[in-house]
Amino acid sequence: MRRVWLIAPAVLAGVVAGSVGAQARGDARAGEEIANRWCATCHIVSEGQERGSAAVPTFMEIAARSEGDLAWLDGFLADPHPMMPDMSLTRQEIQDLVSYIASLR
């Protein structure tokens, strides 16, 4: 029985990590489309874009600042800053957008 208690946490951690990883994955191409549709008015969302507000970070800056951890961005997009419009993105759209931003590193 003691052996089960030693192994169970490791198995559970693997299952949780696997499910979190699966949830964090999105479609970067779909995220790029969302970025161009919703975000490009204010943010520069790609290298070729010339117009955007200097008052907000580019998507490349957001990707660089994250240092590999974009989990905060997932939460931010689910409950955006008051300066951002309420885009009412679905969980999948948020994951796609986060994947797109991660691809810009």
PDB file of N, CA and C in Angstrom:
ATOM      1  N   MET A   1       0.819  -1.191   0.000  1.00  0.00           N
ATOM      2  CA  MET A   1       0.000   0.000   0.000  1.00  0.00           C
ATOM      3  C   MET A   1       0.865   1.258   0.000  1.00  0.00           C
ATOM      4  N   ARG A   2       1.954   1.198   0.741  1.00  0.00           N
ATOM      5  CA  ARG A   2       2.834   2.344   0.818  1.00  0.00           C
ATOM      6  C   ARG A   2       3.410   2.670  -0.559  1.00  0.00           C
ATOM      7  N   ARG A   3       3.689   1.648  -1.331  1.00  0.00           N
ATOM      8  CA  ARG A   3       4.242   1.820  -2.670  1.00  0.00           C
ATOM      9  C   ARG A   3       3.256   2.597  -3.559  1.00  0.00           C
ATOM     10  N   VAL A   4       1.962   2.306  -3.421  1.00  0.00           N
ATOM     11  CA  VAL A   4       0.933   3.007  -4.191  1.00  0.00           C
ATOM     12  C   VAL A   4       0.956   4.494  -3.866  1.00  0.00           C
ATOM     13  N   TRP A   5       1.083   4.821  -2.581  1.00  0.00           N
ATOM     14  CA  TRP A   5       1.116   6.226  -2.186  1.00  0.00           C
ATOM     15  C   TRP A   5       2.355   6.946  -2.696  1.00  0.00           C
ATOM     16  N   LEU A   6       3.415   6.218  -2.929  1.00  0.00           N
ATOM     17  CA  LEU A   6       4.621   6.830  -3.479  1.00  0.00           C
ATOM     18  C   LEU A   6       4.506   7.026  -4.985  1.00  0.00           C
ATOM     19  N   ILE A   7       3.848   6.109  -5.661  1.00  0.00           N
ATOM     20  CA  ILE A   7       3.735   6.164  -7.114  1.00  0.00           C
ATOM     21  C   ILE A   7       2.574   7.055  -7.555  1.00  0.00           C
ATOM     22  N   ALA A   8       1.489   7.053  -6.814  1.00  0.00           N
ATOM     23  CA  ALA A   8       0.286   7.798  -7.208  1.00  0.00           C
ATOM     24  C   ALA A   8       0.549   9.281  -7.483  1.00  0.00           C
ATOM     25  N   PRO A   9       1.294   9.996  -6.619  1.00  0.00           N
ATOM     26  CA  PRO A   9       1.537  11.410  -6.921  1.00  0.00           C
ATOM     27  C   PRO A   9       2.301  11.619  -8.233  1.00  0.00           C
ATOM     28  N   ALA A  10       3.238  10.748  -8.525  1.00  0.00           N
ATOM     29  CA  ALA A  10       3.993  10.880  -9.771  1.00  0.00           C
ATOM     30  C   ALA A  10       3.097  10.649 -10.978  1.00  0.00           C
ATOM     31  N   VAL A  11       2.234   9.651 -10.889  1.00  0.00           N
ATOM     32  CA  VAL A  11       1.300   9.373 -11.986  1.00  0.00           C
ATOM     33  C   VAL A  11       0.334  10.539 -12.148  1.00  0.00           C
ATOM     34  N   LEU A  12      -0.212  11.029 -11.045  1.00  0.00           N
ATOM     35  CA  LEU A  12      -1.141  12.147 -11.099  1.00  0.00           C
ATOM     36  C   LEU A  12      -0.468  13.389 -11.684  1.00  0.00           C
ATOM     37  N   ALA A  13       0.757  13.662 -11.285  1.00  0.00           N
ATOM     38  CA  ALA A  13       1.486  14.812 -11.824  1.00  0.00           C
ATOM     39  C   ALA A  13       1.661  14.681 -13.330  1.00  0.00           C
ATOM     40  N   GLY A  14       1.950  13.486 -13.795  1.00  0.00           N
ATOM     41  CA  GLY A  14       2.094  13.264 -15.233  1.00  0.00           C
ATOM     42  C   GLY A  14       0.800  13.471 -15.979  1.00  0.00           C
ATOM     43  N   VAL A  15      -0.291  13.013 -15.414  1.00  0.00           N
ATOM     44  CA  VAL A  15      -1.604  13.193 -16.046  1.00  0.00           C
ATOM     45  C   VAL A  15      -1.973  14.667 -16.086  1.00  0.00           C
ATOM     46  N   VAL A  16      -1.785  15.365 -14.973  1.00  0.00           N
ATOM     47  CA  VAL A  16      -2.113  16.788 -14.925  1.00  0.00           C
ATOM     48  C   VAL A  16      -1.232  17.566 -15.890  1.00  0.00           C
ATOM     49  N   ALA A  17       0.057  17.293 -15.894  1.00  0.00           N
ATOM     50  CA  ALA A  17       0.961  17.996 -16.808  1.00  0.00           C
ATOM     51  C   ALA A  17       0.578  17.735 -18.250  1.00  0.00           C
ATOM     52  N   GLY A  18       0.214  16.514 -18.555  1.00  0.00           N
ATOM     53  CA  GLY A  18      -0.196  16.188 -19.925  1.00  0.00           C
ATOM     54  C   GLY A  18      -1.466  16.903 -20.321  1.00  0.00           C
ATOM     55  N   SER A  19      -2.428  16.984 -19.411  1.00  0.00           N
ATOM     56  CA  SER A  19      -3.682  17.655 -19.750  1.00  0.00           C
ATOM     57  C   SER A  19      -3.492  19.160 -19.832  1.00  0.00           C
ATOM     58  N   VAL A  20      -2.647  19.737 -18.980  1.00  0.00           N
ATOM     59  CA  VAL A  20      -2.366  21.163 -19.060  1.00  0.00           C
ATOM     60  C   VAL A  20      -1.660  21.473 -20.365  1.00  0.00           C
ATOM     61  N   GLY A  21      -0.701  20.636 -20.753  1.00  0.00           N
ATOM     62  CA  GLY A  21      -0.007  20.849 -22.015  1.00  0.00           C
ATOM     63  C   GLY A  21      -0.957  20.775 -23.185  1.00  0.00           C
ATOM     64  N   ALA A  22      -1.888  19.838 -23.135  1.00  0.00           N
ATOM     65  CA  ALA A  22      -2.848  19.703 -24.227  1.00  0.00           C
ATOM     66  C   ALA A  22      -3.760  20.916 -24.278  1.00  0.00           C
ATOM     67  N   GLN A  23      -4.149  21.435 -23.118  1.00  0.00           N
ATOM     68  CA  GLN A  23      -5.010  22.604 -23.092  1.00  0.00           C
ATOM     69  C   GLN A  23      -4.280  23.842 -23.585  1.00  0.00           C
ATOM     70  N   ALA A  24      -2.986  23.931 -23.320  1.00  0.00           N
ATOM     71  CA  ALA A  24      -2.228  25.114 -23.687  1.00  0.00           C
ATOM     72  C   ALA A  24      -1.939  25.167 -25.177  1.00  0.00           C
ATOM     73  N   ARG A  25      -2.077  24.059 -25.853  1.00  0.00           N
ATOM     74  CA  ARG A  25      -1.784  24.040 -27.276  1.00  0.00           C
ATOM     75  C   ARG A  25      -2.945  24.623 -28.056  1.00  0.00           C
ATOM     76  N   GLY A  26      -2.589  25.479 -28.979  1.00  0.00           N
ATOM     77  CA  GLY A  26      -3.583  26.041 -29.874  1.00  0.00           C
ATOM     78  C   GLY A  26      -3.038  25.999 -31.285  1.00  0.00           C
ATOM     79  N   ASP A  27      -3.792  26.488 -32.202  1.00  0.00           N
ATOM     80  CA  ASP A  27      -3.419  26.536 -33.611  1.00  0.00           C
ATOM     81  C   ASP A  27      -2.882  27.932 -33.914  1.00  0.00           C
ATOM     82  N   ALA A  28      -1.575  28.039 -34.124  1.00  0.00           N
ATOM     83  CA  ALA A  28      -0.947  29.338 -34.347  1.00  0.00           C
ATOM     84  C   ALA A  28      -1.489  30.029 -35.596  1.00  0.00           C
ATOM     85  N   ARG A  29      -1.812  29.264 -36.624  1.00  0.00           N
ATOM     86  CA  ARG A  29      -2.376  29.889 -37.844  1.00  0.00           C
ATOM     87  C   ARG A  29      -3.739  30.511 -37.558  1.00  0.00           C
ATOM     88  N   ALA A  30      -4.561  29.796 -36.821  1.00  0.00           N
ATOM     89  CA  ALA A  30      -5.867  30.353 -36.439  1.00  0.00           C
ATOM     90  C   ALA A  30      -5.662  31.573 -35.541  1.00  0.00           C
ATOM     91  N   GLY A  31      -4.657  31.506 -34.668  1.00  0.00           N
ATOM     92  CA  GLY A  31      -4.337  32.636 -33.802  1.00  0.00           C
ATOM     93  C   GLY A  31      -3.895  33.854 -34.584  1.00  0.00           C
ATOM     94  N   GLU A  32      -3.159  33.638 -35.660  1.00  0.00           N
ATOM     95  CA  GLU A  32      -2.738  34.752 -36.513  1.00  0.00           C
ATOM     96  C   GLU A  32      -3.954  35.421 -37.158  1.00  0.00           C
ATOM     97  N   GLU A  33      -4.908  34.621 -37.589  1.00  0.00           N
ATOM     98  CA  GLU A  33      -6.139  35.179 -38.173  1.00  0.00           C
ATOM     99  C   GLU A  33      -6.907  36.004 -37.139  1.00  0.00           C
ATOM    100  N   ILE A  34      -6.983  35.487 -35.924  1.00  0.00           N
ATOM    101  CA  ILE A  34      -7.663  36.219 -34.846  1.00  0.00           C
ATOM    102  C   ILE A  34      -6.926  37.525 -34.564  1.00  0.00           C
ATOM    103  N   ALA A  35      -5.600  37.463 -34.513  1.00  0.00           N
ATOM    104  CA  ALA A  35      -4.793  38.655 -34.254  1.00  0.00           C
ATOM    105  C   ALA A  35      -5.016  39.713 -35.330  1.00  0.00           C
ATOM    106  N   ASN A  36      -5.042  39.286 -36.573  1.00  0.00           N
ATOM    107  CA  ASN A  36      -5.260  40.241 -37.664  1.00  0.00           C
ATOM    108  C   ASN A  36      -6.663  40.836 -37.623  1.00  0.00           C
ATOM    109  N   ARG A  37      -7.635  40.041 -37.211  1.00  0.00           N
ATOM    110  CA  ARG A  37      -9.028  40.510 -37.174  1.00  0.00           C
ATOM    111  C   ARG A  37      -9.289  41.410 -35.959  1.00  0.00           C
ATOM    112  N   TRP A  38      -8.816  41.003 -34.767  1.00  0.00           N
ATOM    113  CA  TRP A  38      -9.180  41.695 -33.536  1.00  0.00           C
ATOM    114  C   TRP A  38      -8.102  42.615 -32.967  1.00  0.00           C
ATOM    115  N   CYS A  39      -6.852  42.281 -33.167  1.00  0.00           N
ATOM    116  CA  CYS A  39      -5.779  42.939 -32.414  1.00  0.00           C
ATOM    117  C   CYS A  39      -4.977  43.957 -33.221  1.00  0.00           C
ATOM    118  N   ALA A  40      -4.978  43.812 -34.544  1.00  0.00           N
ATOM    119  CA  ALA A  40      -4.102  44.621 -35.394  1.00  0.00           C
ATOM    120  C   ALA A  40      -4.494  46.095 -35.440  1.00  0.00           C
ATOM    121  N   THR A  41      -5.655  46.437 -34.972  1.00  0.00           N
ATOM    122  CA  THR A  41      -6.046  47.844 -34.937  1.00  0.00           C
ATOM    123  C   THR A  41      -5.139  48.618 -33.982  1.00  0.00           C
ATOM    124  N   CYS A  42      -4.780  48.010 -32.871  1.00  0.00           N
ATOM    125  CA  CYS A  42      -3.936  48.670 -31.871  1.00  0.00           C
ATOM    126  C   CYS A  42      -2.517  48.109 -31.836  1.00  0.00           C
ATOM    127  N   HIS A  43      -2.385  46.780 -31.880  1.00  0.00           N
ATOM    128  CA  HIS A  43      -1.081  46.128 -31.768  1.00  0.00           C
ATOM    129  C   HIS A  43      -0.492  45.838 -33.145  1.00  0.00           C
ATOM    130  N   ILE A  44       0.817  45.885 -33.232  1.00  0.00           N
ATOM    131  CA  ILE A  44       1.485  45.336 -34.410  1.00  0.00           C
ATOM    132  C   ILE A  44       1.594  43.846 -34.134  1.00  0.00           C
ATOM    133  N   VAL A  45       0.957  43.046 -34.979  1.00  0.00           N
ATOM    134  CA  VAL A  45       0.845  41.616 -34.718  1.00  0.00           C
ATOM    135  C   VAL A  45       1.751  40.763 -35.595  1.00  0.00           C
ATOM    136  N   SER A  46       2.415  41.395 -36.575  1.00  0.00           N
ATOM    137  CA  SER A  46       3.335  40.645 -37.435  1.00  0.00           C
ATOM    138  C   SER A  46       4.427  41.581 -37.938  1.00  0.00           C
ATOM    139  N   GLU A  47       5.513  41.003 -38.389  1.00  0.00           N
ATOM    140  CA  GLU A  47       6.670  41.781 -38.842  1.00  0.00           C
ATOM    141  C   GLU A  47       6.321  42.765 -39.959  1.00  0.00           C
ATOM    142  N   GLY A  48       5.448  42.377 -40.868  1.00  0.00           N
ATOM    143  CA  GLY A  48       5.147  43.213 -42.023  1.00  0.00           C
ATOM    144  C   GLY A  48       4.154  44.332 -41.766  1.00  0.00           C
ATOM    145  N   GLN A  49       3.506  44.323 -40.616  1.00  0.00           N
ATOM    146  CA  GLN A  49       2.489  45.335 -40.327  1.00  0.00           C
ATOM    147  C   GLN A  49       3.141  46.678 -40.052  1.00  0.00           C
ATOM    148  N   GLU A  50       2.603  47.725 -40.635  1.00  0.00           N
ATOM    149  CA  GLU A  50       3.189  49.053 -40.475  1.00  0.00           C
ATOM    150  C   GLU A  50       2.400  49.960 -39.547  1.00  0.00           C
ATOM    151  N   ARG A  51       1.119  49.670 -39.347  1.00  0.00           N
ATOM    152  CA  ARG A  51       0.296  50.540 -38.511  1.00  0.00           C
ATOM    153  C   ARG A  51      -0.067  49.864 -37.198  1.00  0.00           C
ATOM    154  N   GLY A  52      -0.031  50.636 -36.155  1.00  0.00           N
ATOM    155  CA  GLY A  52      -0.392  50.175 -34.827  1.00  0.00           C
ATOM    156  C   GLY A  52      -0.133  51.311 -33.861  1.00  0.00           C
ATOM    157  N   SER A  53      -0.624  51.199 -32.661  1.00  0.00           N
ATOM    158  CA  SER A  53      -0.440  52.246 -31.672  1.00  0.00           C
ATOM    159  C   SER A  53       0.902  52.082 -30.964  1.00  0.00           C
ATOM    160  N   ALA A  54       1.613  53.188 -30.816  1.00  0.00           N
ATOM    161  CA  ALA A  54       2.880  53.162 -30.086  1.00  0.00           C
ATOM    162  C   ALA A  54       2.642  53.004 -28.585  1.00  0.00           C
ATOM    163  N   ALA A  55       1.403  53.175 -28.153  1.00  0.00           N
ATOM    164  CA  ALA A  55       1.075  53.103 -26.729  1.00  0.00           C
ATOM    165  C   ALA A  55       0.929  51.678 -26.216  1.00  0.00           C
ATOM    166  N   VAL A  56       0.906  50.701 -27.115  1.00  0.00           N
ATOM    167  CA  VAL A  56       0.734  49.303 -26.710  1.00  0.00           C
ATOM    168  C   VAL A  56       1.883  48.470 -27.260  1.00  0.00           C
ATOM    169  N   PRO A  57       2.235  47.384 -26.580  1.00  0.00           N
ATOM    170  CA  PRO A  57       3.347  46.555 -27.067  1.00  0.00           C
ATOM    171  C   PRO A  57       2.976  45.795 -28.339  1.00  0.00           C
ATOM    172  N   THR A  58       3.989  45.546 -29.152  1.00  0.00           N
ATOM    173  CA  THR A  58       3.785  44.692 -30.317  1.00  0.00           C
ATOM    174  C   THR A  58       3.671  43.252 -29.833  1.00  0.00           C
ATOM    175  N   PHE A  59       3.141  42.391 -30.671  1.00  0.00           N
ATOM    176  CA  PHE A  59       3.062  40.977 -30.299  1.00  0.00           C
ATOM    177  C   PHE A  59       4.464  40.384 -30.157  1.00  0.00           C
ATOM    178  N   MET A  60       5.422  40.882 -30.939  1.00  0.00           N
ATOM    179  CA  MET A  60       6.790  40.386 -30.815  1.00  0.00           C
ATOM    180  C   MET A  60       7.377  40.764 -29.451  1.00  0.00           C
ATOM    181  N   GLU A  61       7.062  41.966 -28.968  1.00  0.00           N
ATOM    182  CA  GLU A  61       7.517  42.384 -27.637  1.00  0.00           C
ATOM    183  C   GLU A  61       6.858  41.544 -26.543  1.00  0.00           C
ATOM    184  N   ILE A  62       5.582  41.262 -26.707  1.00  0.00           N
ATOM    185  CA  ILE A  62       4.881  40.423 -25.725  1.00  0.00           C
ATOM    186  C   ILE A  62       5.520  39.040 -25.677  1.00  0.00           C
ATOM    187  N   ALA A  63       5.822  38.485 -26.842  1.00  0.00           N
ATOM    188  CA  ALA A  63       6.448  37.159 -26.909  1.00  0.00           C
ATOM    189  C   ALA A  63       7.825  37.181 -26.252  1.00  0.00           C
ATOM    190  N   ALA A  64       8.607  38.224 -26.508  1.00  0.00           N
ATOM    191  CA  ALA A  64       9.957  38.318 -25.943  1.00  0.00           C
ATOM    192  C   ALA A  64       9.911  38.516 -24.430  1.00  0.00           C
ATOM    193  N   ARG A  65       8.979  39.295 -23.940  1.00  0.00           N
ATOM    194  CA  ARG A  65       8.852  39.560 -22.507  1.00  0.00           C
ATOM    195  C   ARG A  65       8.453  38.331 -21.710  1.00  0.00           C
ATOM    196  N   SER A  66       7.754  37.439 -22.347  1.00  0.00           N
ATOM    197  CA  SER A  66       7.200  36.290 -21.632  1.00  0.00           C
ATOM    198  C   SER A  66       8.252  35.307 -21.154  1.00  0.00           C
ATOM    199  N   GLU A  67       9.438  35.342 -21.723  1.00  0.00           N
ATOM    200  CA  GLU A  67      10.523  34.434 -21.349  1.00  0.00           C
ATOM    201  C   GLU A  67      10.063  32.983 -21.338  1.00  0.00           C
ATOM    202  N   GLY A  68       9.246  32.628 -22.300  1.00  0.00           N
ATOM    203  CA  GLY A  68       8.823  31.242 -22.444  1.00  0.00           C
ATOM    204  C   GLY A  68       7.569  30.865 -21.678  1.00  0.00           C
ATOM    205  N   ASP A  69       7.063  31.764 -20.824  1.00  0.00           N
ATOM    206  CA  ASP A  69       5.867  31.442 -20.050  1.00  0.00           C
ATOM    207  C   ASP A  69       4.732  32.379 -20.442  1.00  0.00           C
ATOM    208  N   LEU A  70       3.820  31.867 -21.234  1.00  0.00           N
ATOM    209  CA  LEU A  70       2.693  32.677 -21.670  1.00  0.00           C
ATOM    210  C   LEU A  70       1.406  32.340 -20.917  1.00  0.00           C
ATOM    211  N   ALA A  71       1.524  31.624 -19.799  1.00  0.00           N
ATOM    212  CA  ALA A  71       0.334  31.262 -19.026  1.00  0.00           C
ATOM    213  C   ALA A  71      -0.404  32.507 -18.548  1.00  0.00           C
ATOM    214  N   TRP A  72       0.316  33.540 -18.186  1.00  0.00           N
ATOM    215  CA  TRP A  72      -0.311  34.783 -17.739  1.00  0.00           C
ATOM    216  C   TRP A  72      -1.177  35.382 -18.841  1.00  0.00           C
ATOM    217  N   LEU A  73      -0.733  35.234 -20.089  1.00  0.00           N
ATOM    218  CA  LEU A  73      -1.459  35.808 -21.213  1.00  0.00           C
ATOM    219  C   LEU A  73      -2.806  35.124 -21.406  1.00  0.00           C
ATOM    220  N   ASP A  74      -2.836  33.835 -21.173  1.00  0.00           N
ATOM    221  CA  ASP A  74      -4.087  33.086 -21.265  1.00  0.00           C
ATOM    222  C   ASP A  74      -5.128  33.688 -20.324  1.00  0.00           C
ATOM    223  N   GLY A  75      -4.737  33.947 -19.087  1.00  0.00           N
ATOM    224  CA  GLY A  75      -5.645  34.547 -18.113  1.00  0.00           C
ATOM    225  C   GLY A  75      -6.010  35.981 -18.460  1.00  0.00           C
ATOM    226  N   PHE A  76      -5.040  36.726 -18.953  1.00  0.00           N
ATOM    227  CA  PHE A  76      -5.276  38.118 -19.323  1.00  0.00           C
ATOM    228  C   PHE A  76      -6.302  38.224 -20.447  1.00  0.00           C
ATOM    229  N   LEU A  77      -6.185  37.358 -21.443  1.00  0.00           N
ATOM    230  CA  LEU A  77      -7.119  37.401 -22.571  1.00  0.00           C
ATOM    231  C   LEU A  77      -8.517  36.936 -22.176  1.00  0.00           C
ATOM    232  N   ALA A  78      -8.594  36.081 -21.171  1.00  0.00           N
ATOM    233  CA  ALA A  78      -9.898  35.627 -20.692  1.00  0.00           C
ATOM    234  C   ALA A  78     -10.627  36.744 -19.936  1.00  0.00           C
ATOM    235  N   ASP A  79      -9.855  37.638 -19.299  1.00  0.00           N
ATOM    236  CA  ASP A  79     -10.419  38.762 -18.547  1.00  0.00           C
ATOM    237  C   ASP A  79      -9.559  39.987 -18.841  1.00  0.00           C
ATOM    238  N   PRO A  80      -9.747  40.614 -20.012  1.00  0.00           N
ATOM    239  CA  PRO A  80      -8.823  41.642 -20.484  1.00  0.00           C
ATOM    240  C   PRO A  80      -8.797  42.918 -19.650  1.00  0.00           C
ATOM    241  N   HIS A  81      -7.728  43.657 -19.836  1.00  0.00           N
ATOM    242  CA  HIS A  81      -7.502  44.956 -19.230  1.00  0.00           C
ATOM    243  C   HIS A  81      -8.615  45.912 -19.681  1.00  0.00           C
ATOM    244  N   PRO A  82      -9.008  46.857 -18.835  1.00  0.00           N
ATOM    245  CA  PRO A  82     -10.090  47.776 -19.222  1.00  0.00           C
ATOM    246  C   PRO A  82      -9.843  48.543 -20.525  1.00  0.00           C
ATOM    247  N   MET A  83      -8.600  48.770 -20.894  1.00  0.00           N
ATOM    248  CA  MET A  83      -8.312  49.494 -22.134  1.00  0.00           C
ATOM    249  C   MET A  83      -8.583  48.640 -23.374  1.00  0.00           C
ATOM    250  N   MET A  84      -8.667  47.335 -23.178  1.00  0.00           N
ATOM    251  CA  MET A  84      -8.921  46.445 -24.311  1.00  0.00           C
ATOM    252  C   MET A  84     -10.419  46.240 -24.479  1.00  0.00           C
ATOM    253  N   PRO A  85     -10.870  46.117 -25.717  1.00  0.00           N
ATOM    254  CA  PRO A  85     -12.292  45.824 -25.918  1.00  0.00           C
ATOM    255  C   PRO A  85     -12.615  44.410 -25.449  1.00  0.00           C
ATOM    256  N   ASP A  86     -13.852  44.191 -25.083  1.00  0.00           N
ATOM    257  CA  ASP A  86     -14.288  42.852 -24.704  1.00  0.00           C
ATOM    258  C   ASP A  86     -14.568  42.080 -25.982  1.00  0.00           C
ATOM    259  N   MET A  87     -13.631  41.233 -26.356  1.00  0.00           N
ATOM    260  CA  MET A  87     -13.745  40.487 -27.607  1.00  0.00           C
ATOM    261  C   MET A  87     -14.521  39.195 -27.421  1.00  0.00           C
ATOM    262  N   SER A  88     -14.770  38.816 -26.182  1.00  0.00           N
ATOM    263  CA  SER A  88     -15.488  37.578 -25.869  1.00  0.00           C
ATOM    264  C   SER A  88     -14.917  36.386 -26.633  1.00  0.00           C
ATOM    265  N   LEU A  89     -13.603  36.204 -26.525  1.00  0.00           N
ATOM    266  CA  LEU A  89     -12.940  35.082 -27.193  1.00  0.00           C
ATOM    267  C   LEU A  89     -13.295  33.773 -26.501  1.00  0.00           C
ATOM    268  N   THR A  90     -13.429  32.722 -27.274  1.00  0.00           N
ATOM    269  CA  THR A  90     -13.637  31.394 -26.701  1.00  0.00           C
ATOM    270  C   THR A  90     -12.319  30.894 -26.131  1.00  0.00           C
ATOM    271  N   ARG A  91     -12.373  29.835 -25.322  1.00  0.00           N
ATOM    272  CA  ARG A  91     -11.134  29.236 -24.781  1.00  0.00           C
ATOM    273  C   ARG A  91     -10.223  28.810 -25.929  1.00  0.00           C
ATOM    274  N   GLN A  92     -10.794  28.221 -26.974  1.00  0.00           N
ATOM    275  CA  GLN A  92      -9.982  27.773 -28.104  1.00  0.00           C
ATOM    276  C   GLN A  92      -9.331  28.960 -28.811  1.00  0.00           C
ATOM    277  N   GLU A  93     -10.067  30.047 -28.998  1.00  0.00           N
ATOM    278  CA  GLU A  93      -9.497  31.230 -29.648  1.00  0.00           C
ATOM    279  C   GLU A  93      -8.363  31.813 -28.814  1.00  0.00           C
ATOM    280  N   ILE A  94      -8.522  31.812 -27.503  1.00  0.00           N
ATOM    281  CA  ILE A  94      -7.452  32.295 -26.624  1.00  0.00           C
ATOM    282  C   ILE A  94      -6.221  31.411 -26.771  1.00  0.00           C
ATOM    283  N   GLN A  95      -6.412  30.102 -26.762  1.00  0.00           N
ATOM    284  CA  GLN A  95      -5.283  29.178 -26.923  1.00  0.00           C
ATOM    285  C   GLN A  95      -4.618  29.373 -28.281  1.00  0.00           C
ATOM    286  N   ASP A  96      -5.406  29.598 -29.316  1.00  0.00           N
ATOM    287  CA  ASP A  96      -4.853  29.839 -30.649  1.00  0.00           C
ATOM    288  C   ASP A  96      -4.034  31.125 -30.659  1.00  0.00           C
ATOM    289  N   LEU A  97      -4.552  32.172 -30.046  1.00  0.00           N
ATOM    290  CA  LEU A  97      -3.856  33.453 -30.000  1.00  0.00           C
ATOM    291  C   LEU A  97      -2.558  33.348 -29.206  1.00  0.00           C
ATOM    292  N   VAL A  98      -2.591  32.661 -28.079  1.00  0.00           N
ATOM    293  CA  VAL A  98      -1.378  32.457 -27.278  1.00  0.00           C
ATOM    294  C   VAL A  98      -0.353  31.652 -28.076  1.00  0.00           C
ATOM    295  N   SER A  99      -0.793  30.644 -28.807  1.00  0.00           N
ATOM    296  CA  SER A  99       0.127  29.853 -29.637  1.00  0.00           C
ATOM    297  C   SER A  99       0.751  30.708 -30.727  1.00  0.00           C
ATOM    298  N   TYR A 100      -0.032  31.594 -31.308  1.00  0.00           N
ATOM    299  CA  TYR A 100       0.515  32.490 -32.336  1.00  0.00           C
ATOM    300  C   TYR A 100       1.578  33.403 -31.735  1.00  0.00           C
ATOM    301  N   ILE A 101       1.275  34.002 -30.595  1.00  0.00           N
ATOM    302  CA  ILE A 101       2.255  34.887 -29.955  1.00  0.00           C
ATOM    303  C   ILE A 101       3.516  34.109 -29.596  1.00  0.00           C
ATOM    304  N   ALA A 102       3.363  32.895 -29.090  1.00  0.00           N
ATOM    305  CA  ALA A 102       4.530  32.061 -28.765  1.00  0.00           C
ATOM    306  C   ALA A 102       5.363  31.772 -30.005  1.00  0.00           C
ATOM    307  N   SER A 103       4.729  31.664 -31.154  1.00  0.00           N
ATOM    308  CA  SER A 103       5.464  31.368 -32.394  1.00  0.00           C
ATOM    309  C   SER A 103       6.317  32.547 -32.849  1.00  0.00           C
ATOM    310  N   LEU A 104       6.102  33.715 -32.281  1.00  0.00           N
ATOM    311  CA  LEU A 104       6.847  34.913 -32.679  1.00  0.00           C
ATOM    312  C   LEU A 104       8.167  35.064 -31.934  1.00  0.00           C
ATOM    313  N   ARG A 105       8.464  34.153 -31.013  1.00  0.00           N
ATOM    314  CA  ARG A 105       9.727  34.225 -30.259  1.00  0.00           C
ATOM    315  C   ARG A 105      10.895  33.955 -31.159  1.00  0.00           C
TER     316      ARG A 105
END
